Amino acid sequence: GPGTPVSDGWLTYGIPVVGGLMYRDSVEIDELKHPVEFKYL
């Protein structure tokens, strides 16, 4: 997220069109739903 006049940027910002309002997937749920394996996040 962008720096502001009063605070640091938001870590879970997403992208500008999202502005922090979406959720972020769960690694574990994505691995249950689909045949994908995450090495790290």
All heavy atoms as atom14 arrays in JSON, in Angstrom:
{
  "sequence": "GPGTPVSDGWLTYGIPVVGGLMYRDSVEIDELKHPVEFKYL",
  "atom14_mask": [
    [1, 1, 1, 1, 0, 0, 0, 0, 0, 0, 0, 0, 0, 0],
    [1, 1, 1, 1, 1, 1, 1, 0, 0, 0, 0, 0, 0, 0],
    [1, 1, 1, 1, 0, 0, 0, 0, 0, 0, 0, 0, 0, 0],
    [1, 1, 1, 1, 1, 1, 1, 0, 0, 0, 0, 0, 0, 0],
    [1, 1, 1, 1, 1, 1, 1, 0, 0, 0, 0, 0, 0, 0],
    [1, 1, 1, 1, 1, 1, 1, 0, 0, 0, 0, 0, 0, 0],
    [1, 1, 1, 1, 1, 1, 0, 0, 0, 0, 0, 0, 0, 0],
    [1, 1, 1, 1, 1, 1, 1, 1, 0, 0, 0, 0, 0, 0],
    [1, 1, 1, 1, 0, 0, 0, 0, 0, 0, 0, 0, 0, 0],
    [1, 1, 1, 1, 1, 1, 1, 1, 1, 1, 1, 1, 1, 1],
    [1, 1, 1, 1, 1, 1, 1, 1, 0, 0, 0, 0, 0, 0],
    [1, 1, 1, 1, 1, 1, 1, 0, 0, 0, 0, 0, 0, 0],
    [1, 1, 1, 1, 1, 1, 1, 1, 1, 1, 1, 1, 0, 0],
    [1, 1, 1, 1, 0, 0, 0, 0, 0, 0, 0, 0, 0, 0],
    [1, 1, 1, 1, 1, 1, 1, 1, 0, 0, 0, 0, 0, 0],
    [1, 1, 1, 1, 1, 1, 1, 0, 0, 0, 0, 0, 0, 0],
    [1, 1, 1, 1, 1, 1, 1, 0, 0, 0, 0, 0, 0, 0],
    [1, 1, 1, 1, 1, 1, 1, 0, 0, 0, 0, 0, 0, 0],
    [1, 1, 1, 1, 0, 0, 0, 0, 0, 0, 0, 0, 0, 0],
    [1, 1, 1, 1, 0, 0, 0, 0, 0, 0, 0, 0, 0, 0],
    [1, 1, 1, 1, 1, 1, 1, 1, 0, 0, 0, 0, 0, 0],
    [1, 1, 1, 1, 1, 1, 1, 1, 0, 0, 0, 0, 0, 0],
    [1, 1, 1, 1, 1, 1, 1, 1, 1, 1, 1, 1, 0, 0],
    [1, 1, 1, 1, 1, 1, 1, 1, 1, 1, 1, 0, 0, 0],
    [1, 1, 1, 1, 1, 1, 1, 1, 0, 0, 0, 0, 0, 0],
    [1, 1, 1, 1, 1, 1, 0, 0, 0, 0, 0, 0, 0, 0],
    [1, 1, 1, 1, 1, 1, 1, 0, 0, 0, 0, 0, 0, 0],
    [1, 1, 1, 1, 1, 1, 1, 1, 1, 0, 0, 0, 0, 0],
    [1, 1, 1, 1, 1, 1, 1, 1, 0, 0, 0, 0, 0, 0],
    [1, 1, 1, 1, 1, 1, 1, 1, 0, 0, 0, 0, 0, 0],
    [1, 1, 1, 1, 1, 1, 1, 1, 1, 0, 0, 0, 0, 0],
    [1, 1, 1, 1, 1, 1, 1, 1, 0, 0, 0, 0, 0, 0],
    [1, 1, 1, 1, 1, 1, 1, 1, 1, 0, 0, 0, 0, 0],
    [1, 1, 1, 1, 1, 1, 1, 1, 1, 1, 0, 0, 0, 0],
    [1, 1, 1, 1, 1, 1, 1, 0, 0, 0, 0, 0, 0, 0],
    [1, 1, 1, 1, 1, 1, 1, 0, 0, 0, 0, 0, 0, 0],
    [1, 1, 1, 1, 1, 1, 1, 1, 1, 0, 0, 0, 0, 0],
    [1, 1, 1, 1, 1, 1, 1, 1, 1, 1, 1, 0, 0, 0],
    [1, 1, 1, 1, 1, 1, 1, 1, 1, 0, 0, 0, 0, 0],
    [1, 1, 1, 1, 1, 1, 1, 1, 1, 1, 1, 1, 0, 0],
    [1, 1, 1, 1, 1, 1, 1, 1, 0, 0, 0, 0, 0, 0]
  ],
  "atom14_positions": [
    [[0.81, -1.21, 0.0], [0.0, 0.0, 0.0], [0.85, 1.26, 0.0], [2.02, 1.25, 0.38], [0.0, 0.0, 0.0], [0.0, 0.0, 0.0], [0.0, 0.0, 0.0], [0.0, 0.0, 0.0], [0.0, 0.0, 0.0], [0.0, 0.0, 0.0], [0.0, 0.0, 0.0], [0.0, 0.0, 0.0], [0.0, 0.0, 0.0], [0.0, 0.0, 0.0]],
    [[0.27, 2.4, -0.43], [1.02, 3.65, -0.51], [1.22, 4.31, 0.85], [0.36, 4.2, 1.74], [0.13, 4.52, -1.4], [-1.26, 4.05, -1.09], [-1.13, 2.55, -0.87], [0.0, 0.0, 0.0], [0.0, 0.0, 0.0], [0.0, 0.0, 0.0], [0.0, 0.0, 0.0], [0.0, 0.0, 0.0], [0.0, 0.0, 0.0], [0.0, 0.0, 0.0]],
    [[2.36, 4.99, 1.01], [2.52, 5.84, 2.18], [1.53, 6.99, 2.13], [1.17, 7.48, 1.05], [0.0, 0.0, 0.0], [0.0, 0.0, 0.0], [0.0, 0.0, 0.0], [0.0, 0.0, 0.0], [0.0, 0.0, 0.0], [0.0, 0.0, 0.0], [0.0, 0.0, 0.0], [0.0, 0.0, 0.0], [0.0, 0.0, 0.0], [0.0, 0.0, 0.0]],
    [[1.07, 7.43, 3.29], [0.08, 8.51, 3.38], [0.67, 9.65, 4.21], [1.75, 9.51, 4.78], [-1.22, 8.01, 4.04], [-1.07, 8.05, 5.47], [-1.54, 6.58, 3.62], [0.0, 0.0, 0.0], [0.0, 0.0, 0.0], [0.0, 0.0, 0.0], [0.0, 0.0, 0.0], [0.0, 0.0, 0.0], [0.0, 0.0, 0.0], [0.0, 0.0, 0.0]],
    [[-0.02, 10.78, 4.31], [0.5, 11.88, 5.13], [0.57, 11.58, 6.62], [1.22, 12.31, 7.37], [-0.49, 13.02, 4.86], [-1.18, 12.66, 3.59], [-1.23, 11.17, 3.57], [0.0, 0.0, 0.0], [0.0, 0.0, 0.0], [0.0, 0.0, 0.0], [0.0, 0.0, 0.0], [0.0, 0.0, 0.0], [0.0, 0.0, 0.0], [0.0, 0.0, 0.0]],
    [[-0.1, 10.48, 7.06], [-0.17, 10.22, 8.5], [0.18, 8.79, 8.88], [0.22, 8.46, 10.06], [-1.58, 10.55, 9.05], [-1.87, 12.04, 8.92], [-2.66, 9.74, 8.32], [0.0, 0.0, 0.0], [0.0, 0.0, 0.0], [0.0, 0.0, 0.0], [0.0, 0.0, 0.0], [0.0, 0.0, 0.0], [0.0, 0.0, 0.0], [0.0, 0.0, 0.0]],
    [[0.42, 7.92, 7.89], [0.63, 6.51, 8.24], [1.42, 5.79, 7.16], [1.5, 6.25, 6.01], [-0.71, 5.8, 8.44], [-1.43, 5.76, 7.22], [0.0, 0.0, 0.0], [0.0, 0.0, 0.0], [0.0, 0.0, 0.0], [0.0, 0.0, 0.0], [0.0, 0.0, 0.0], [0.0, 0.0, 0.0], [0.0, 0.0, 0.0], [0.0, 0.0, 0.0]],
    [[1.99, 4.65, 7.55], [2.66, 3.79, 6.59], [1.62, 3.09, 5.71], [0.43, 3.03, 6.03], [3.49, 2.73, 7.32], [4.66, 3.33, 8.08], [5.12, 4.43, 7.71], [5.11, 2.7, 9.06], [0.0, 0.0, 0.0], [0.0, 0.0, 0.0], [0.0, 0.0, 0.0], [0.0, 0.0, 0.0], [0.0, 0.0, 0.0], [0.0, 0.0, 0.0]],
    [[2.11, 2.5, 4.6], [1.23, 1.79, 3.7], [0.67, 0.52, 4.31], [1.22, -0.05, 5.25], [0.0, 0.0, 0.0], [0.0, 0.0, 0.0], [0.0, 0.0, 0.0], [0.0, 0.0, 0.0], [0.0, 0.0, 0.0], [0.0, 0.0, 0.0], [0.0, 0.0, 0.0], [0.0, 0.0, 0.0], [0.0, 0.0, 0.0], [0.0, 0.0, 0.0]],
    [[-0.43, 0.08, 3.74], [-1.21, -1.06, 4.23], [-0.61, -2.35, 3.65], [-0.53, -2.54, 2.43], [-2.64, -0.88, 3.77], [-3.67, -1.72, 4.43], [-3.49, -2.8, 5.22], [-5.1, -1.55, 4.31], [-4.7, -3.31, 5.63], [-5.7, -2.57, 5.08], [-5.92, -0.64, 3.64], [-7.08, -2.7, 5.19], [-7.28, -0.77, 3.75], [-7.86, -1.78, 4.52]],
    [[-0.24, -3.3, 4.5], [0.42, -4.52, 4.06], [-0.49, -5.38, 3.2], [-0.05, -5.97, 2.22], [0.91, -5.32, 5.27], [1.67, -6.61, 4.98], [2.97, -6.33, 4.24], [1.96, -7.38, 6.27], [0.0, 0.0, 0.0], [0.0, 0.0, 0.0], [0.0, 0.0, 0.0], [0.0, 0.0, 0.0], [0.0, 0.0, 0.0], [0.0, 0.0, 0.0]],
    [[-1.76, -5.5, 3.54], [-2.69, -6.34, 2.79], [-3.53, -5.51, 1.81], [-4.71, -5.77, 1.61], [-3.61, -7.11, 3.75], [-4.28, -6.17, 4.62], [-2.82, -8.09, 4.59], [0.0, 0.0, 0.0], [0.0, 0.0, 0.0], [0.0, 0.0, 0.0], [0.0, 0.0, 0.0], [0.0, 0.0, 0.0], [0.0, 0.0, 0.0], [0.0, 0.0, 0.0]],
    [[-2.89, -4.57, 1.18], [-3.52, -3.6, 0.28], [-4.13, -4.25, -0.95], [-5.17, -3.85, -1.43], [-2.45, -2.59, -0.12], [-2.79, -1.54, -1.13], [-3.66, -0.5, -0.83], [-2.17, -1.54, -2.38], [-3.91, 0.5, -1.75], [-2.42, -0.55, -3.3], [-3.29, 0.47, -2.99], [-3.53, 1.46, -3.91], [0.0, 0.0, 0.0], [0.0, 0.0, 0.0]],
    [[-3.47, -5.27, -1.48], [-3.91, -5.87, -2.74], [-3.29, -5.13, -3.9], [-2.09, -5.19, -4.15], [0.0, 0.0, 0.0], [0.0, 0.0, 0.0], [0.0, 0.0, 0.0], [0.0, 0.0, 0.0], [0.0, 0.0, 0.0], [0.0, 0.0, 0.0], [0.0, 0.0, 0.0], [0.0, 0.0, 0.0], [0.0, 0.0, 0.0], [0.0, 0.0, 0.0]],
    [[-4.1, -4.39, -4.65], [-3.67, -3.47, -5.7], [-4.58, -2.24, -5.61], [-5.59, -2.27, -4.9], [-3.73, -4.12, -7.1], [-5.09, -4.79, -7.35], [-2.6, -5.11, -7.29], [-5.23, -5.42, -8.73], [0.0, 0.0, 0.0], [0.0, 0.0, 0.0], [0.0, 0.0, 0.0], [0.0, 0.0, 0.0], [0.0, 0.0, 0.0], [0.0, 0.0, 0.0]],
    [[-4.26, -1.14, -6.3], [-5.05, 0.08, -6.12], [-6.55, -0.08, -6.34], [-7.35, 0.52, -5.6], [-4.43, 1.04, -7.14], [-2.99, 0.62, -7.2], [-3.03, -0.88, -7.09], [0.0, 0.0, 0.0], [0.0, 0.0, 0.0], [0.0, 0.0, 0.0], [0.0, 0.0, 0.0], [0.0, 0.0, 0.0], [0.0, 0.0, 0.0], [0.0, 0.0, 0.0]],
    [[-6.96, -0.87, -7.34], [-8.4, -1.01, -7.59], [-9.11, -1.79, -6.5], [-10.33, -1.76, -6.39], [-8.67, -1.69, -8.95], [-8.17, -0.83, -10.09], [-8.05, -3.09, -9.01], [0.0, 0.0, 0.0], [0.0, 0.0, 0.0], [0.0, 0.0, 0.0], [0.0, 0.0, 0.0], [0.0, 0.0, 0.0], [0.0, 0.0, 0.0], [0.0, 0.0, 0.0]],
    [[-8.34, -2.49, -5.67], [-8.89, -3.26, -4.54], [-8.89, -2.42, -3.27], [-9.85, -2.42, -2.51], [-8.08, -4.56, -4.35], [-8.44, -5.23, -3.03], [-8.31, -5.5, -5.52], [0.0, 0.0, 0.0], [0.0, 0.0, 0.0], [0.0, 0.0, 0.0], [0.0, 0.0, 0.0], [0.0, 0.0, 0.0], [0.0, 0.0, 0.0], [0.0, 0.0, 0.0]],
    [[-7.78, -1.71, -3.02], [-7.7, -0.83, -1.86], [-7.92, -1.53, -0.54], [-8.5, -0.95, 0.39], [0.0, 0.0, 0.0], [0.0, 0.0, 0.0], [0.0, 0.0, 0.0], [0.0, 0.0, 0.0], [0.0, 0.0, 0.0], [0.0, 0.0, 0.0], [0.0, 0.0, 0.0], [0.0, 0.0, 0.0], [0.0, 0.0, 0.0], [0.0, 0.0, 0.0]],
    [[-7.49, -2.8, -0.41], [-7.6, -3.51, 0.85], [-8.95, -4.13, 1.12], [-9.16, -4.71, 2.2], [0.0, 0.0, 0.0], [0.0, 0.0, 0.0], [0.0, 0.0, 0.0], [0.0, 0.0, 0.0], [0.0, 0.0, 0.0], [0.0, 0.0, 0.0], [0.0, 0.0, 0.0], [0.0, 0.0, 0.0], [0.0, 0.0, 0.0], [0.0, 0.0, 0.0]],
    [[-9.88, -4.05, 0.18], [-11.25, -4.51, 0.44], [-11.48, -5.98, 0.08], [-12.49, -6.55, 0.49], [-12.25, -3.64, -0.33], [-12.44, -2.23, 0.24], [-13.2, -1.35, -0.73], [-13.17, -2.29, 1.58], [0.0, 0.0, 0.0], [0.0, 0.0, 0.0], [0.0, 0.0, 0.0], [0.0, 0.0, 0.0], [0.0, 0.0, 0.0], [0.0, 0.0, 0.0]],
    [[-10.58, -6.57, -0.69], [-10.71, -8.01, -0.96], [-10.03, -8.81, 0.14], [-9.29, -8.27, 0.95], [-10.09, -8.35, -2.32], [-11.01, -8.06, -3.49], [-10.22, -8.3, -5.1], [-9.72, -10.01, -4.99], [0.0, 0.0, 0.0], [0.0, 0.0, 0.0], [0.0, 0.0, 0.0], [0.0, 0.0, 0.0], [0.0, 0.0, 0.0], [0.0, 0.0, 0.0]],
    [[-10.3, -10.1, 0.15], [-9.59, -11.01, 1.03], [-8.39, -11.59, 0.29], [-8.3, -11.49, -0.94], [-10.5, -12.15, 1.48], [-11.68, -11.74, 2.32], [-12.77, -12.59, 2.48], [-11.73, -10.51, 2.97], [-13.88, -12.23, 3.24], [-12.82, -10.14, 3.74], [-13.89, -11.0, 3.86], [-14.98, -10.65, 4.62], [0.0, 0.0, 0.0], [0.0, 0.0, 0.0]],
    [[-7.49, -12.2, 1.03], [-6.4, -12.95, 0.42], [-6.66, -14.43, 0.64], [-7.08, -14.84, 1.71], [-5.06, -12.53, 1.04], [-3.85, -13.17, 0.38], [-2.55, -12.68, 1.01], [-2.49, -12.95, 2.44], [-2.24, -14.15, 2.97], [-2.04, -15.2, 2.18], [-2.2, -14.32, 4.26], [0.0, 0.0, 0.0], [0.0, 0.0, 0.0], [0.0, 0.0, 0.0]],
    [[-6.44, -15.21, -0.42], [-6.68, -16.65, -0.32], [-5.94, -17.25, 0.87], [-4.86, -16.79, 1.26], [-6.17, -17.37, -1.57], [-7.01, -17.1, -2.8], [-8.01, -16.38, -2.69], [-6.65, -17.6, -3.87], [0.0, 0.0, 0.0], [0.0, 0.0, 0.0], [0.0, 0.0, 0.0], [0.0, 0.0, 0.0], [0.0, 0.0, 0.0], [0.0, 0.0, 0.0]],
    [[-6.47, -18.34, 1.37], [-5.77, -19.21, 2.31], [-4.92, -20.2, 1.52], [-5.42, -20.86, 0.6], [-6.76, -19.96, 3.19], [-6.17, -21.1, 3.76], [0.0, 0.0, 0.0], [0.0, 0.0, 0.0], [0.0, 0.0, 0.0], [0.0, 0.0, 0.0], [0.0, 0.0, 0.0], [0.0, 0.0, 0.0], [0.0, 0.0, 0.0], [0.0, 0.0, 0.0]],
    [[-3.64, -20.29, 1.85], [-2.76, -21.27, 1.21], [-3.34, -22.67, 1.34], [-3.42, -23.45, 0.37], [-1.34, -21.21, 1.81], [-0.53, -22.42, 1.39], [-0.64, -19.93, 1.41], [0.0, 0.0, 0.0], [0.0, 0.0, 0.0], [0.0, 0.0, 0.0], [0.0, 0.0, 0.0], [0.0, 0.0, 0.0], [0.0, 0.0, 0.0], [0.0, 0.0, 0.0]],
    [[-3.77, -23.01, 2.54], [-4.26, -24.37, 2.8], [-5.54, -24.67, 2.0], [-5.69, -25.77, 1.46], [-4.51, -24.56, 4.3], [-3.25, -24.55, 5.16], [-2.73, -23.13, 5.43], [-3.44, -22.15, 5.12], [-1.6, -23.01, 5.93], [0.0, 0.0, 0.0], [0.0, 0.0, 0.0], [0.0, 0.0, 0.0], [0.0, 0.0, 0.0], [0.0, 0.0, 0.0]],
    [[-6.44, -23.7, 1.92], [-7.68, -23.94, 1.19], [-7.41, -24.04, -0.3], [-7.98, -24.89, -1.0], [-8.71, -22.84, 1.5], [-9.19, -22.99, 2.96], [-9.88, -22.9, 0.54], [-10.16, -21.93, 3.4], [0.0, 0.0, 0.0], [0.0, 0.0, 0.0], [0.0, 0.0, 0.0], [0.0, 0.0, 0.0], [0.0, 0.0, 0.0], [0.0, 0.0, 0.0]],
    [[-6.52, -23.2, -0.83], [-6.17, -23.31, -2.25], [-5.56, -24.68, -2.56], [-5.82, -25.27, -3.61], [-5.19, -22.21, -2.64], [-5.89, -20.91, -2.98], [-7.13, -20.9, -3.04], [-5.2, -19.88, -3.18], [0.0, 0.0, 0.0], [0.0, 0.0, 0.0], [0.0, 0.0, 0.0], [0.0, 0.0, 0.0], [0.0, 0.0, 0.0], [0.0, 0.0, 0.0]],
    [[-4.74, -25.19, -1.63], [-4.14, -26.51, -1.85], [-5.18, -27.62, -1.76], [-5.03, -28.67, -2.41], [-3.01, -26.75, -0.85], [-1.78, -25.89, -1.11], [-0.64, -26.16, -0.14], [-0.93, -26.59, 1.0], [0.52, -25.93, -0.52], [0.0, 0.0, 0.0], [0.0, 0.0, 0.0], [0.0, 0.0, 0.0], [0.0, 0.0, 0.0], [0.0, 0.0, 0.0]],
    [[-6.22, -27.42, -0.96], [-7.3, -28.4, -0.9], [-8.17, -28.36, -2.17], [-8.57, -29.4, -2.69], [-8.18, -28.15, 0.32], [-7.61, -28.55, 1.69], [-8.52, -28.04, 2.8], [-7.47, -30.06, 1.78], [0.0, 0.0, 0.0], [0.0, 0.0, 0.0], [0.0, 0.0, 0.0], [0.0, 0.0, 0.0], [0.0, 0.0, 0.0], [0.0, 0.0, 0.0]],
    [[-8.44, -27.16, -2.66], [-9.33, -27.0, -3.8], [-8.68, -27.43, -5.11], [-9.34, -27.94, -6.02], [-9.8, -25.55, -3.92], [-10.9, -25.15, -2.95], [-11.29, -23.7, -3.14], [-12.54, -23.35, -2.34], [-13.76, -23.91, -2.93], [0.0, 0.0, 0.0], [0.0, 0.0, 0.0], [0.0, 0.0, 0.0], [0.0, 0.0, 0.0], [0.0, 0.0, 0.0]],
    [[-7.37, -27.18, -5.24], [-6.7, -27.38, -6.51], [-5.39, -28.13, -6.3], [-4.8, -28.06, -5.21], [-6.43, -26.03, -7.19], [-7.64, -25.18, -7.32], [-8.72, -25.54, -8.08], [-7.95, -23.97, -6.78], [-9.65, -24.59, -7.99], [-9.21, -23.63, -7.21], [0.0, 0.0, 0.0], [0.0, 0.0, 0.0], [0.0, 0.0, 0.0], [0.0, 0.0, 0.0]],
    [[-4.88, -28.83, -7.32], [-3.64, -29.6, -7.18], [-2.4, -28.7, -7.27], [-1.57, -28.85, -8.17], [-3.71, -30.59, -8.34], [-4.48, -29.86, -9.39], [-5.51, -29.05, -8.64], [0.0, 0.0, 0.0], [0.0, 0.0, 0.0], [0.0, 0.0, 0.0], [0.0, 0.0, 0.0], [0.0, 0.0, 0.0], [0.0, 0.0, 0.0], [0.0, 0.0, 0.0]],
    [[-2.29, -27.76, -6.35], [-1.18, -26.81, -6.32], [-0.47, -26.95, -4.98], [-1.1, -27.22, -3.96], [-1.69, -25.36, -6.53], [-2.71, -24.97, -5.47], [-0.54, -24.36, -6.54], [0.0, 0.0, 0.0], [0.0, 0.0, 0.0], [0.0, 0.0, 0.0], [0.0, 0.0, 0.0], [0.0, 0.0, 0.0], [0.0, 0.0, 0.0], [0.0, 0.0, 0.0]],
    [[0.84, -26.75, -4.99], [1.63, -26.81, -3.76], [2.43, -25.52, -3.63], [3.17, -25.14, -4.55], [2.59, -28.01, -3.8], [3.41, -28.15, -2.53], [4.26, -29.4, -2.54], [4.66, -29.86, -3.63], [4.52, -29.95, -1.45], [0.0, 0.0, 0.0], [0.0, 0.0, 0.0], [0.0, 0.0, 0.0], [0.0, 0.0, 0.0], [0.0, 0.0, 0.0]],
    [[2.27, -24.86, -2.5], [2.99, -23.6, -2.25], [4.28, -23.9, -1.49], [4.26, -24.58, -0.46], [2.12, -22.64, -1.44], [0.98, -22.06, -2.24], [-0.25, -22.72, -2.27], [1.14, -20.9, -2.97], [-1.3, -22.21, -3.03], [0.1, -20.39, -3.73], [-1.12, -21.04, -3.75], [0.0, 0.0, 0.0], [0.0, 0.0, 0.0], [0.0, 0.0, 0.0]],
    [[5.38, -23.38, -2.01], [6.66, -23.55, -1.35], [6.81, -22.52, -0.24], [7.28, -22.83, 0.85], [7.8, -23.41, -2.36], [9.18, -23.67, -1.78], [10.24, -23.61, -2.87], [11.63, -23.9, -2.31], [12.66, -23.82, -3.37], [0.0, 0.0, 0.0], [0.0, 0.0, 0.0], [0.0, 0.0, 0.0], [0.0, 0.0, 0.0], [0.0, 0.0, 0.0]],
    [[6.44, -21.28, -0.52], [6.46, -20.25, 0.52], [5.6, -19.07, 0.11], [5.28, -18.88, -1.07], [7.89, -19.78, 0.83], [8.63, -19.16, -0.34], [8.37, -17.87, -0.8], [9.66, -19.87, -0.96], [9.07, -17.32, -1.85], [10.37, -19.33, -2.02], [10.07, -18.05, -2.47], [10.76, -17.5, -3.52], [0.0, 0.0, 0.0], [0.0, 0.0, 0.0]],
    [[5.21, -18.28, 1.08], [4.55, -16.98, 0.91], [5.1, -16.1, 2.01], [4.93, -16.41, 3.2], [3.03, -17.11, 1.03], [2.24, -15.81, 0.99], [2.35, -15.12, -0.36], [0.77, -16.05, 1.35], [0.0, 0.0, 0.0], [0.0, 0.0, 0.0], [0.0, 0.0, 0.0], [0.0, 0.0, 0.0], [0.0, 0.0, 0.0], [0.0, 0.0, 0.0]]
  ]
}
